[in-house]
PDB file of N, CA and C in Angstrom:
ATOM      1  N   MET A   1       1.801  28.982  -1.008  1.00  0.00           N
ATOM      2  CA  MET A   1       1.185  27.806  -0.424  1.00  0.00           C
ATOM      3  C   MET A   1       1.391  26.615  -1.338  1.00  0.00           C
ATOM      4  N   SER A   2       1.707  25.466  -0.735  1.00  0.00           N
ATOM      5  CA  SER A   2       1.974  24.252  -1.504  1.00  0.00           C
ATOM      6  C   SER A   2       1.035  23.149  -1.071  1.00  0.00           C
ATOM      7  N   ASP A   3      -0.271  23.352  -1.265  1.00  0.00           N
ATOM      8  CA  ASP A   3      -1.248  22.420  -0.737  1.00  0.00           C
ATOM      9  C   ASP A   3      -1.251  21.068  -1.432  1.00  0.00           C
ATOM     10  N   ASP A   4      -0.497  20.903  -2.489  1.00  0.00           N
ATOM     11  CA  ASP A   4      -0.444  19.598  -3.132  1.00  0.00           C
ATOM     12  C   ASP A   4       0.562  18.670  -2.479  1.00  0.00           C
ATOM     13  N   VAL A   5       1.528  19.202  -1.712  1.00  0.00           N
ATOM     14  CA  VAL A   5       2.506  18.378  -1.009  1.00  0.00           C
ATOM     15  C   VAL A   5       1.950  18.060   0.379  1.00  0.00           C
ATOM     16  N   LEU A   6       2.073  16.786   0.777  1.00  0.00           N
ATOM     17  CA  LEU A   6       1.579  16.328   2.063  1.00  0.00           C
ATOM     18  C   LEU A   6       2.711  15.775   2.911  1.00  0.00           C
ATOM     19  N   LEU A   7       2.608  15.982   4.207  1.00  0.00           N
ATOM     20  CA  LEU A   7       3.463  15.316   5.181  1.00  0.00           C
ATOM     21  C   LEU A   7       2.558  14.355   5.929  1.00  0.00           C
ATOM     22  N   CYS A   8       2.861  13.070   5.838  1.00  0.00           N
ATOM     23  CA  CYS A   8       2.011  12.044   6.434  1.00  0.00           C
ATOM     24  C   CYS A   8       2.739  11.375   7.597  1.00  0.00           C
ATOM     25  N   TYR A   9       1.984  11.105   8.643  1.00  0.00           N
ATOM     26  CA  TYR A   9       2.507  10.450   9.838  1.00  0.00           C
ATOM     27  C   TYR A   9       1.961   9.032   9.895  1.00  0.00           C
ATOM     28  N   CYS A  10       2.855   8.092  10.205  1.00  0.00           N
ATOM     29  CA  CYS A  10       2.460   6.695  10.337  1.00  0.00           C
ATOM     30  C   CYS A  10       3.379   6.047  11.361  1.00  0.00           C
ATOM     31  N   THR A  11       2.796   5.409  12.386  1.00  0.00           N
ATOM     32  CA  THR A  11       3.618   4.709  13.365  1.00  0.00           C
ATOM     33  C   THR A  11       3.691   3.231  13.025  1.00  0.00           C
ATOM     34  N   CYS A  12       4.831   2.626  13.375  1.00  0.00           N
ATOM     35  CA  CYS A  12       5.065   1.200  13.133  1.00  0.00           C
ATOM     36  C   CYS A  12       5.552   0.556  14.425  1.00  0.00           C
ATOM     37  N   PRO A  13       5.283  -0.732  14.612  1.00  0.00           N
ATOM     38  CA  PRO A  13       5.640  -1.379  15.865  1.00  0.00           C
ATOM     39  C   PRO A  13       7.130  -1.655  16.046  1.00  0.00           C
ATOM     40  N   ASP A  14       7.892  -1.657  14.947  1.00  0.00           N
ATOM     41  CA  ASP A  14       9.309  -2.009  15.060  1.00  0.00           C
ATOM     42  C   ASP A  14      10.082  -1.504  13.840  1.00  0.00           C
ATOM     43  N   ALA A  15      11.403  -1.601  13.944  1.00  0.00           N
ATOM     44  CA  ALA A  15      12.278  -1.100  12.882  1.00  0.00           C
ATOM     45  C   ALA A  15      12.100  -1.864  11.574  1.00  0.00           C
ATOM     46  N   ALA A  16      11.884  -3.161  11.661  1.00  0.00           N
ATOM     47  CA  ALA A  16      11.771  -3.968  10.438  1.00  0.00           C
ATOM     48  C   ALA A  16      10.539  -3.579   9.628  1.00  0.00           C
ATOM     49  N   SER A  17       9.399  -3.434  10.284  1.00  0.00           N
ATOM     50  CA  SER A  17       8.188  -3.069   9.535  1.00  0.00           C
ATOM     51  C   SER A  17       8.287  -1.630   9.034  1.00  0.00           C
ATOM     52  N   ALA A  18       8.910  -0.746   9.809  1.00  0.00           N
ATOM     53  CA  ALA A  18       9.095   0.642   9.377  1.00  0.00           C
ATOM     54  C   ALA A  18       9.992   0.702   8.139  1.00  0.00           C
ATOM     55  N   GLN A  19      11.071  -0.048   8.147  1.00  0.00           N
ATOM     56  CA  GLN A  19      11.991  -0.061   7.001  1.00  0.00           C
ATOM     57  C   GLN A  19      11.314  -0.648   5.773  1.00  0.00           C
ATOM     58  N   ARG A  20      10.561  -1.725   5.960  1.00  0.00           N
ATOM     59  CA  ARG A  20       9.855  -2.356   4.836  1.00  0.00           C
ATOM     60  C   ARG A  20       8.865  -1.375   4.193  1.00  0.00           C
ATOM     61  N   LEU A  21       8.108  -0.672   5.012  1.00  0.00           N
ATOM     62  CA  LEU A  21       7.167   0.321   4.496  1.00  0.00           C
ATOM     63  C   LEU A  21       7.894   1.467   3.791  1.00  0.00           C
ATOM     64  N   ALA A  22       8.912   2.006   4.437  1.00  0.00           N
ATOM     65  CA  ALA A  22       9.649   3.129   3.861  1.00  0.00           C
ATOM     66  C   ALA A  22      10.229   2.770   2.500  1.00  0.00           C
ATOM     67  N   GLU A  23      10.871   1.625   2.412  1.00  0.00           N
ATOM     68  CA  GLU A  23      11.480   1.211   1.145  1.00  0.00           C
ATOM     69  C   GLU A  23      10.427   0.987   0.061  1.00  0.00           C
ATOM     70  N   ALA A  24       9.327   0.363   0.407  1.00  0.00           N
ATOM     71  CA  ALA A  24       8.277   0.102  -0.587  1.00  0.00           C
ATOM     72  C   ALA A  24       7.694   1.408  -1.117  1.00  0.00           C
ATOM     73  N   LEU A  25       7.413   2.346  -0.229  1.00  0.00           N
ATOM     74  CA  LEU A  25       6.798   3.611  -0.659  1.00  0.00           C
ATOM     75  C   LEU A  25       7.716   4.406  -1.572  1.00  0.00           C
ATOM     76  N   VAL A  26       9.004   4.448  -1.242  1.00  0.00           N
ATOM     77  CA  VAL A  26       9.949   5.192  -2.089  1.00  0.00           C
ATOM     78  C   VAL A  26      10.210   4.424  -3.388  1.00  0.00           C
ATOM     79  N   ASP A  27      10.391   3.111  -3.289  1.00  0.00           N
ATOM     80  CA  ASP A  27      10.657   2.302  -4.480  1.00  0.00           C
ATOM     81  C   ASP A  27       9.517   2.384  -5.489  1.00  0.00           C
ATOM     82  N   GLU A  28       8.291   2.460  -4.998  1.00  0.00           N
ATOM     83  CA  GLU A  28       7.118   2.490  -5.878  1.00  0.00           C
ATOM     84  C   GLU A  28       6.674   3.916  -6.211  1.00  0.00           C
ATOM     85  N   SER A  29       7.514   4.906  -5.903  1.00  0.00           N
ATOM     86  CA  SER A  29       7.247   6.326  -6.182  1.00  0.00           C
ATOM     87  C   SER A  29       5.933   6.808  -5.574  1.00  0.00           C
ATOM     88  N   LEU A  30       5.596   6.258  -4.416  1.00  0.00           N
ATOM     89  CA  LEU A  30       4.427   6.715  -3.678  1.00  0.00           C
ATOM     90  C   LEU A  30       4.817   7.773  -2.647  1.00  0.00           C
ATOM     91  N   ALA A  31       6.111   7.872  -2.381  1.00  0.00           N
ATOM     92  CA  ALA A  31       6.681   8.890  -1.500  1.00  0.00           C
ATOM     93  C   ALA A  31       8.044   9.280  -2.047  1.00  0.00           C
ATOM     94  N   ALA A  32       8.365  10.553  -1.945  1.00  0.00           N
ATOM     95  CA  ALA A  32       9.687  11.015  -2.375  1.00  0.00           C
ATOM     96  C   ALA A  32      10.728  10.701  -1.311  1.00  0.00           C
ATOM     97  N   CYS A  33      10.297  10.718  -0.058  1.00  0.00           N
ATOM     98  CA  CYS A  33      11.209  10.507   1.066  1.00  0.00           C
ATOM     99  C   CYS A  33      10.391  10.028   2.255  1.00  0.00           C
ATOM    100  N   VAL A  34      10.971   9.134   3.036  1.00  0.00           N
ATOM    101  CA  VAL A  34      10.365   8.701   4.292  1.00  0.00           C
ATOM    102  C   VAL A  34      11.442   8.758   5.362  1.00  0.00           C
ATOM    103  N   ASN A  35      11.200   9.555   6.393  1.00  0.00           N
ATOM    104  CA  ASN A  35      12.104   9.606   7.544  1.00  0.00           C
ATOM    105  C   ASN A  35      11.588   8.643   8.598  1.00  0.00           C
ATOM    106  N   ARG A  36      12.510   7.894   9.203  1.00  0.00           N
ATOM    107  CA  ARG A  36      12.168   6.983  10.302  1.00  0.00           C
ATOM    108  C   ARG A  36      12.685   7.582  11.601  1.00  0.00           C
ATOM    109  N   VAL A  37      11.780   7.735  12.561  1.00  0.00           N
ATOM    110  CA  VAL A  37      12.134   8.297  13.859  1.00  0.00           C
ATOM    111  C   VAL A  37      11.921   7.204  14.910  1.00  0.00           C
ATOM    112  N   PRO A  38      13.009   6.605  15.405  1.00  0.00           N
ATOM    113  CA  PRO A  38      12.857   5.554  16.411  1.00  0.00           C
ATOM    114  C   PRO A  38      12.604   6.154  17.795  1.00  0.00           C
ATOM    115  N   GLY A  39      12.188   5.295  18.704  1.00  0.00           N
ATOM    116  CA  GLY A  39      12.059   5.709  20.093  1.00  0.00           C
ATOM    117  C   GLY A  39      10.826   6.522  20.418  1.00  0.00           C
ATOM    118  N   VAL A  40       9.767   6.388  19.630  1.00  0.00           N
ATOM    119  CA  VAL A  40       8.514   7.084  19.913  1.00  0.00           C
ATOM    120  C   VAL A  40       7.743   6.254  20.935  1.00  0.00           C
ATOM    121  N   HIS A  41       7.272   6.900  21.975  1.00  0.00           N
ATOM    122  CA  HIS A  41       6.470   6.236  22.998  1.00  0.00           C
ATOM    123  C   HIS A  41       5.028   6.685  22.826  1.00  0.00           C
ATOM    124  N   SER A  42       4.155   5.761  22.463  1.00  0.00           N
ATOM    125  CA  SER A  42       2.760   6.082  22.182  1.00  0.00           C
ATOM    126  C   SER A  42       1.865   5.522  23.282  1.00  0.00           C
ATOM    127  N   THR A  43       0.998   6.368  23.804  1.00  0.00           N
ATOM    128  CA  THR A  43      -0.010   5.952  24.776  1.00  0.00           C
ATOM    129  C   THR A  43      -1.378   6.197  24.162  1.00  0.00           C
ATOM    130  N   TYR A  44      -2.224   5.179  24.166  1.00  0.00           N
ATOM    131  CA  TYR A  44      -3.514   5.262  23.492  1.00  0.00           C
ATOM    132  C   TYR A  44      -4.489   4.256  24.114  1.00  0.00           C
ATOM    133  N   ARG A  45      -5.742   4.425  23.813  1.00  0.00           N
ATOM    134  CA  ARG A  45      -6.765   3.471  24.249  1.00  0.00           C
ATOM    135  C   ARG A  45      -7.072   2.549  23.069  1.00  0.00           C
ATOM    136  N   TRP A  46      -6.959   1.249  23.298  1.00  0.00           N
ATOM    137  CA  TRP A  46      -7.247   0.275  22.259  1.00  0.00           C
ATOM    138  C   TRP A  46      -8.086  -0.837  22.863  1.00  0.00           C
ATOM    139  N   LYS A  47      -9.274  -1.017  22.304  1.00  0.00           N
ATOM    140  CA  LYS A  47     -10.217  -2.042  22.760  1.00  0.00           C
ATOM    141  C   LYS A  47     -10.469  -1.932  24.257  1.00  0.00           C
ATOM    142  N   GLY A  48     -10.662  -0.682  24.722  1.00  0.00           N
ATOM    143  CA  GLY A  48     -11.032  -0.422  26.099  1.00  0.00           C
ATOM    144  C   GLY A  48      -9.898  -0.392  27.100  1.00  0.00           C
ATOM    145  N   LYS A  49      -8.676  -0.590  26.652  1.00  0.00           N
ATOM    146  CA  LYS A  49      -7.530  -0.643  27.562  1.00  0.00           C
ATOM    147  C   LYS A  49      -6.520   0.436  27.177  1.00  0.00           C
ATOM    148  N   ILE A  50      -5.988   1.141  28.173  1.00  0.00           N
ATOM    149  CA  ILE A  50      -4.924   2.119  27.911  1.00  0.00           C
ATOM    150  C   ILE A  50      -3.608   1.360  27.780  1.00  0.00           C
ATOM    151  N   THR A  51      -2.923   1.620  26.681  1.00  0.00           N
ATOM    152  CA  THR A  51      -1.705   0.903  26.326  1.00  0.00           C
ATOM    153  C   THR A  51      -0.596   1.893  26.014  1.00  0.00           C
ATOM    154  N   THR A  52       0.619   1.538  26.346  1.00  0.00           N
ATOM    155  CA  THR A  52       1.793   2.309  25.948  1.00  0.00           C
ATOM    156  C   THR A  52       2.745   1.367  25.220  1.00  0.00           C
ATOM    157  N   ASP A  53       3.171   1.783  24.034  1.00  0.00           N
ATOM    158  CA  ASP A  53       4.082   0.983  23.211  1.00  0.00           C
ATOM    159  C   ASP A  53       5.238   1.841  22.723  1.00  0.00           C
ATOM    160  N   ASN A  54       6.348   1.186  22.444  1.00  0.00           N
ATOM    161  CA  ASN A  54       7.465   1.820  21.748  1.00  0.00           C
ATOM    162  C   ASN A  54       7.248   1.576  20.261  1.00  0.00           C
ATOM    163  N   GLU A  55       7.375   2.639  19.481  1.00  0.00           N
ATOM    164  CA  GLU A  55       7.126   2.541  18.050  1.00  0.00           C
ATOM    165  C   GLU A  55       8.179   3.332  17.284  1.00  0.00           C
ATOM    166  N   GLU A  56       8.144   3.198  15.966  1.00  0.00           N
ATOM    167  CA  GLU A  56       8.894   4.065  15.063  1.00  0.00           C
ATOM    168  C   GLU A  56       7.881   4.910  14.316  1.00  0.00           C
ATOM    169  N   LEU A  57       8.203   6.186  14.180  1.00  0.00           N
ATOM    170  CA  LEU A  57       7.342   7.115  13.450  1.00  0.00           C
ATOM    171  C   LEU A  57       7.898   7.306  12.047  1.00  0.00           C
ATOM    172  N   LEU A  58       7.039   7.157  11.061  1.00  0.00           N
ATOM    173  CA  LEU A  58       7.412   7.459   9.683  1.00  0.00           C
ATOM    174  C   LEU A  58       6.873   8.837   9.330  1.00  0.00           C
ATOM    175  N   LEU A  59       7.722   9.667   8.743  1.00  0.00           N
ATOM    176  CA  LEU A  59       7.330  10.960   8.188  1.00  0.00           C
ATOM    177  C   LEU A  59       7.427  10.802   6.676  1.00  0.00           C
ATOM    178  N   ILE A  60       6.288  10.723   6.049  1.00  0.00           N
ATOM    179  CA  ILE A  60       6.195  10.380   4.629  1.00  0.00           C
ATOM    180  C   ILE A  60       5.893  11.642   3.828  1.00  0.00           C
ATOM    181  N   LYS A  61       6.733  11.948   2.845  1.00  0.00           N
ATOM    182  CA  LYS A  61       6.506  13.107   1.975  1.00  0.00           C
ATOM    183  C   LYS A  61       5.973  12.629   0.641  1.00  0.00           C
ATOM    184  N   THR A  62       4.752  13.092   0.319  1.00  0.00           N
ATOM    185  CA  THR A  62       4.087  12.695  -0.916  1.00  0.00           C
ATOM    186  C   THR A  62       3.233  13.858  -1.408  1.00  0.00           C
ATOM    187  N   THR A  63       2.350  13.596  -2.351  1.00  0.00           N
ATOM    188  CA  THR A  63       1.440  14.625  -2.848  1.00  0.00           C
ATOM    189  C   THR A  63       0.000  14.153  -2.677  1.00  0.00           C
ATOM    190  N   ALA A  64      -0.914  15.104  -2.725  1.00  0.00           N
ATOM    191  CA  ALA A  64      -2.332  14.777  -2.619  1.00  0.00           C
ATOM    192  C   ALA A  64      -2.745  13.814  -3.735  1.00  0.00           C
ATOM    193  N   LYS A  65      -2.171  13.997  -4.900  1.00  0.00           N
ATOM    194  CA  LYS A  65      -2.491  13.144  -6.045  1.00  0.00           C
ATOM    195  C   LYS A  65      -2.100  11.685  -5.804  1.00  0.00           C
ATOM    196  N   ARG A  66      -1.041  11.441  -5.052  1.00  0.00           N
ATOM    197  CA  ARG A  66      -0.542  10.083  -4.814  1.00  0.00           C
ATOM    198  C   ARG A  66      -1.011   9.501  -3.475  1.00  0.00           C
ATOM    199  N   PHE A  67      -1.754  10.314  -2.684  1.00  0.00           N
ATOM    200  CA  PHE A  67      -2.119   9.874  -1.341  1.00  0.00           C
ATOM    201  C   PHE A  67      -2.923   8.577  -1.336  1.00  0.00           C
ATOM    202  N   ASP A  68      -3.948   8.469  -2.149  1.00  0.00           N
ATOM    203  CA  ASP A  68      -4.789   7.268  -2.118  1.00  0.00           C
ATOM    204  C   ASP A  68      -4.000   6.004  -2.449  1.00  0.00           C
ATOM    205  N   ALA A  69      -3.126   6.078  -3.433  1.00  0.00           N
ATOM    206  CA  ALA A  69      -2.299   4.920  -3.783  1.00  0.00           C
ATOM    207  C   ALA A  69      -1.329   4.597  -2.652  1.00  0.00           C
ATOM    208  N   MET A  70      -0.757   5.635  -2.037  1.00  0.00           N
ATOM    209  CA  MET A  70       0.148   5.427  -0.908  1.00  0.00           C
ATOM    210  C   MET A  70      -0.597   4.795   0.258  1.00  0.00           C
ATOM    211  N   LYS A  71      -1.789   5.296   0.552  1.00  0.00           N
ATOM    212  CA  LYS A  71      -2.601   4.749   1.646  1.00  0.00           C
ATOM    213  C   LYS A  71      -2.920   3.277   1.404  1.00  0.00           C
ATOM    214  N   THR A  72      -3.300   2.931   0.193  1.00  0.00           N
ATOM    215  CA  THR A  72      -3.605   1.541  -0.143  1.00  0.00           C
ATOM    216  C   THR A  72      -2.405   0.647   0.123  1.00  0.00           C
ATOM    217  N   ARG A  73      -1.222   1.119  -0.238  1.00  0.00           N
ATOM    218  CA  ARG A  73       0.004   0.320  -0.032  1.00  0.00           C
ATOM    219  C   ARG A  73       0.347   0.203   1.444  1.00  0.00           C
ATOM    220  N   VAL A  74       0.201   1.292   2.198  1.00  0.00           N
ATOM    221  CA  VAL A  74       0.462   1.245   3.639  1.00  0.00           C
ATOM    222  C   VAL A  74      -0.478   0.224   4.286  1.00  0.00           C
ATOM    223  N   LEU A  75      -1.749   0.290   3.958  1.00  0.00           N
ATOM    224  CA  LEU A  75      -2.717  -0.632   4.557  1.00  0.00           C
ATOM    225  C   LEU A  75      -2.420  -2.085   4.197  1.00  0.00           C
ATOM    226  N   ALA A  76      -1.906  -2.323   3.002  1.00  0.00           N
ATOM    227  CA  ALA A  76      -1.571  -3.682   2.576  1.00  0.00           C
ATOM    228  C   ALA A  76      -0.346  -4.231   3.308  1.00  0.00           C
ATOM    229  N   LEU A  77       0.622  -3.375   3.619  1.00  0.00           N
ATOM    230  CA  LEU A  77       1.881  -3.822   4.209  1.00  0.00           C
ATOM    231  C   LEU A  77       1.943  -3.701   5.728  1.00  0.00           C
ATOM    232  N   HIS A  78       1.115  -2.870   6.302  1.00  0.00           N
ATOM    233  CA  HIS A  78       1.237  -2.551   7.726  1.00  0.00           C
ATOM    234  C   HIS A  78       0.763  -3.713   8.597  1.00  0.00           C
ATOM    235  N   PRO A  79       1.502  -4.016   9.680  1.00  0.00           N
ATOM    236  CA  PRO A  79       1.110  -5.133  10.538  1.00  0.00           C
ATOM    237  C   PRO A  79      -0.045  -4.828  11.496  1.00  0.00           C
ATOM    238  N   TYR A  80      -0.358  -3.552  11.722  1.00  0.00           N
ATOM    239  CA  TYR A  80      -1.439  -3.209  12.655  1.00  0.00           C
ATOM    240  C   TYR A  80      -2.809  -3.434  12.035  1.00  0.00           C
ATOM    241  N   GLU A  81      -3.763  -3.794  12.871  1.00  0.00           N
ATOM    242  CA  GLU A  81      -5.156  -3.912  12.463  1.00  0.00           C
ATOM    243  C   GLU A  81      -5.705  -2.549  12.031  1.00  0.00           C
ATOM    244  N   LEU A  82      -5.294  -1.501  12.736  1.00  0.00           N
ATOM    245  CA  LEU A  82      -5.741  -0.140  12.460  1.00  0.00           C
ATOM    246  C   LEU A  82      -4.529   0.800  12.480  1.00  0.00           C
ATOM    247  N   PRO A  83      -3.797   0.878  11.357  1.00  0.00           N
ATOM    248  CA  PRO A  83      -2.602   1.725  11.339  1.00  0.00           C
ATOM    249  C   PRO A  83      -2.939   3.212  11.381  1.00  0.00           C
ATOM    250  N   GLU A  84      -2.081   3.951  12.061  1.00  0.00           N
ATOM    251  CA  GLU A  84      -2.185   5.415  12.045  1.00  0.00           C
ATOM    252  C   GLU A  84      -1.671   5.908  10.702  1.00  0.00           C
ATOM    253  N   LEU A  85      -2.476   6.715  10.033  1.00  0.00           N
ATOM    254  CA  LEU A  85      -2.039   7.385   8.814  1.00  0.00           C
ATOM    255  C   LEU A  85      -2.759   8.720   8.757  1.00  0.00           C
ATOM    256  N   ILE A  86      -2.007   9.775   8.982  1.00  0.00           N
ATOM    257  CA  ILE A  86      -2.549  11.129   9.034  1.00  0.00           C
ATOM    258  C   ILE A  86      -1.773  11.978   8.035  1.00  0.00           C
ATOM    259  N   ALA A  87      -2.491  12.712   7.198  1.00  0.00           N
ATOM    260  CA  ALA A  87      -1.852  13.577   6.203  1.00  0.00           C
ATOM    261  C   ALA A  87      -2.121  15.035   6.539  1.00  0.00           C
ATOM    262  N   VAL A  88      -1.065  15.828   6.485  1.00  0.00           N
ATOM    263  CA  VAL A  88      -1.153  17.256   6.766  1.00  0.00           C
ATOM    264  C   VAL A  88      -0.641  18.003   5.534  1.00  0.00           C
ATOM    265  N   PRO A  89      -1.417  18.937   5.000  1.00  0.00           N
ATOM    266  CA  PRO A  89      -0.938  19.714   3.853  1.00  0.00           C
ATOM    267  C   PRO A  89       0.246  20.591   4.240  1.00  0.00           C
ATOM    268  N   VAL A  90       1.221  20.658   3.363  1.00  0.00           N
ATOM    269  CA  VAL A  90       2.373  21.539   3.576  1.00  0.00           C
ATOM    270  C   VAL A  90       1.997  22.908   3.024  1.00  0.00           C
ATOM    271  N   GLU A  91       1.890  23.876   3.903  1.00  0.00           N
ATOM    272  CA  GLU A  91       1.484  25.217   3.479  1.00  0.00           C
ATOM    273  C   GLU A  91       2.653  26.050   2.981  1.00  0.00           C
ATOM    274  N   HIS A  92       3.826  25.840   3.571  1.00  0.00           N
ATOM    275  CA  HIS A  92       5.009  26.610   3.185  1.00  0.00           C
ATOM    276  C   HIS A  92       6.214  25.679   3.231  1.00  0.00           C
ATOM    277  N   GLY A  93       7.198  25.996   2.445  1.00  0.00           N
ATOM    278  CA  GLY A  93       8.431  25.213   2.438  1.00  0.00           C
ATOM    279  C   GLY A  93       9.383  25.758   1.399  1.00  0.00           C
ATOM    280  N   TYR A  94      10.562  25.218   1.396  1.00  0.00           N
ATOM    281  CA  TYR A  94      11.577  25.586   0.411  1.00  0.00           C
ATOM    282  C   TYR A  94      11.114  25.086  -0.954  1.00  0.00           C
ATOM    283  N   ALA A  95      10.881  25.996  -1.871  1.00  0.00           N
ATOM    284  CA  ALA A  95      10.275  25.671  -3.166  1.00  0.00           C
ATOM    285  C   ALA A  95      11.029  24.569  -3.909  1.00  0.00           C
ATOM    286  N   ALA A  96      12.347  24.625  -3.895  1.00  0.00           N
ATOM    287  CA  ALA A  96      13.129  23.606  -4.604  1.00  0.00           C
ATOM    288  C   ALA A  96      12.912  22.221  -3.991  1.00  0.00           C
ATOM    289  N   TYR A  97      12.811  22.151  -2.674  1.00  0.00           N
ATOM    290  CA  TYR A  97      12.558  20.861  -2.012  1.00  0.00           C
ATOM    291  C   TYR A  97      11.152  20.348  -2.354  1.00  0.00           C
ATOM    292  N   LEU A  98      10.169  21.226  -2.318  1.00  0.00           N
ATOM    293  CA  LEU A  98       8.804  20.821  -2.640  1.00  0.00           C
ATOM    294  C   LEU A  98       8.695  20.350  -4.086  1.00  0.00           C
ATOM    295  N   ASP A  99       9.427  20.998  -4.989  1.00  0.00           N
ATOM    296  CA  ASP A  99       9.473  20.540  -6.381  1.00  0.00           C
ATOM    297  C   ASP A  99      10.096  19.147  -6.465  1.00  0.00           C
ATOM    298  N   TRP A 100      11.126  18.908  -5.645  1.00  0.00           N
ATOM    299  CA  TRP A 100      11.780  17.596  -5.597  1.00  0.00           C
ATOM    300  C   TRP A 100      10.799  16.521  -5.129  1.00  0.00           C
ATOM    301  N   VAL A 101       9.995  16.842  -4.132  1.00  0.00           N
ATOM    302  CA  VAL A 101       8.975  15.893  -3.657  1.00  0.00           C
ATOM    303  C   VAL A 101       8.018  15.567  -4.795  1.00  0.00           C
ATOM    304  N   ARG A 102       7.516  16.594  -5.464  1.00  0.00           N
ATOM    305  CA  ARG A 102       6.591  16.372  -6.574  1.00  0.00           C
ATOM    306  C   ARG A 102       7.217  15.485  -7.658  1.00  0.00           C
ATOM    307  N   ALA A 103       8.449  15.791  -8.007  1.00  0.00           N
ATOM    308  CA  ALA A 103       9.136  15.013  -9.040  1.00  0.00           C
ATOM    309  C   ALA A 103       9.380  13.575  -8.593  1.00  0.00           C
ATOM    310  N   GLY A 104       9.608  13.371  -7.309  1.00  0.00           N
ATOM    311  CA  GLY A 104       9.879  12.050  -6.788  1.00  0.00           C
ATOM    312  C   GLY A 104       8.692  11.101  -6.809  1.00  0.00           C
ATOM    313  N   VAL A 105       7.500  11.651  -6.776  1.00  0.00           N
ATOM    314  CA  VAL A 105       6.307  10.799  -6.827  1.00  0.00           C
ATOM    315  C   VAL A 105       5.669  10.777  -8.208  1.00  0.00           C
ATOM    316  N   ASP A 106       6.147  11.625  -9.085  1.00  0.00           N
ATOM    317  CA  ASP A 106       5.650  11.637 -10.460  1.00  0.00           C
ATOM    318  C   ASP A 106       6.533  10.822 -11.384  1.00  0.00           C
ATOM    319  N   ALA A 107       7.598  10.256 -10.817  1.00  0.00           N
ATOM    320  CA  ALA A 107       8.564   9.506 -11.632  1.00  0.00           C
ATOM    321  C   ALA A 107       7.985   8.209 -12.150  1.00  0.00           C
TER     322      ALA A 107
END
């Protein structure tokens, strides 16, 4: 079990904001890797209205130790009033890759 490594989900309204977030998180060693998944269609209730938007999904690989700092940076850079940021512990994975994630945020 690798409960110190986290996979975090964050949606962004467009490619530019997604790229800006991804680059900042990796550059500042708050994430070892961020994958951008374009073409996500999100349907949700916001301020009493059901809305559907096209977004980009960020898959952020970090550690529990770096999560709070990463969250602070996401909240500072994100254009949404209430950004989605969900962290899921990685229970299993390729040990060498998980070590790489740890090293990438401890740099």
